[in-house]
Amino acid sequence: MNINDKSVLEMLNKLIVVNRLNKSQILQMVNLVSISNDINDLNDNLKWESDKSFHQNI
């Protein structure tokens, strides 16, 4: 996905508001946008990253 695309930015803003993301989650999302094909892919990538970081902290 192209982060410079207006529709992508609107979608990301909506995600931020709906999910009440904190700063680190927002930065993580921004980093994953470029490797994600669509919103579903982005959500999967975010979930995978959060699961990975959770298991590293155990």
Protein backbone atom coordinates (compact mmCIF):
# COMPACT_ATOMS: atom_id res chain seq x y z
CA MET A 1 0.00 0.00 0.00
CA ASN A 2 1.17 3.50 -0.72
CA ILE A 3 1.26 5.62 2.42
CA ASN A 4 1.18 8.77 0.28
CA ASP A 5 -2.21 7.83 -1.15
CA LYS A 6 -5.01 9.90 0.39
CA SER A 7 -7.39 6.93 0.73
CA VAL A 8 -4.69 4.90 2.50
CA LEU A 9 -4.03 7.75 4.92
CA GLU A 10 -7.74 8.07 5.65
CA MET A 11 -7.96 4.35 6.29
CA LEU A 12 -4.93 4.47 8.62
CA ASN A 13 -6.41 7.39 10.53
CA LYS A 14 -9.63 5.47 10.96
CA LEU A 15 -7.69 2.44 12.22
CA ILE A 16 -5.84 4.62 14.71
CA VAL A 17 -9.05 6.10 16.08
CA VAL A 18 -11.13 2.91 16.13
CA ASN A 19 -8.39 0.81 17.74
CA ARG A 20 -7.10 3.65 19.95
CA LEU A 21 -3.52 2.92 18.98
CA ASN A 22 -0.68 4.31 21.04
CA LYS A 23 2.44 5.94 19.58
CA SER A 24 4.48 2.78 19.27
CA GLN A 25 1.58 0.93 17.62
CA ILE A 26 1.13 3.79 15.15
CA LEU A 27 4.84 3.73 14.27
CA GLN A 28 4.70 -0.02 13.84
CA MET A 29 1.66 0.31 11.57
CA VAL A 30 3.37 2.96 9.45
CA ASN A 31 6.37 0.69 9.01
CA LEU A 32 4.16 -2.21 7.94
CA VAL A 33 2.02 -0.28 5.45
CA SER A 34 4.59 -0.45 2.68
CA ILE A 35 4.85 -4.24 2.82
CA SER A 36 1.11 -4.81 3.13
CA ASN A 37 -1.07 -5.37 0.08
CA ASP A 38 -4.34 -4.23 1.63
CA ILE A 39 -6.02 -3.51 4.95
CA ASN A 40 -6.50 -7.19 5.76
CA ASP A 41 -2.85 -7.86 5.11
CA LEU A 42 -1.91 -4.90 7.30
CA ASN A 43 -4.08 -6.20 10.14
CA ASP A 44 -2.49 -9.64 9.82
CA ASN A 45 0.99 -8.12 9.86
CA LEU A 46 0.16 -6.02 12.91
CA LYS A 47 -1.20 -9.05 14.72
CA TRP A 48 1.85 -11.12 13.81
CA GLU A 49 4.21 -8.39 14.99
CA SER A 50 2.38 -7.94 18.28
CA ASP A 51 2.35 -11.70 18.88
CA LYS A 52 6.05 -11.88 18.06
CA SER A 53 6.94 -9.07 20.47
CA PHE A 54 4.74 -10.61 23.18
CA HIS A 55 6.58 -13.94 22.93
CA GLN A 56 9.97 -12.26 22.97
CA ASN A 57 9.12 -10.60 26.29
CA ILE A 58 8.28 -13.87 28.02
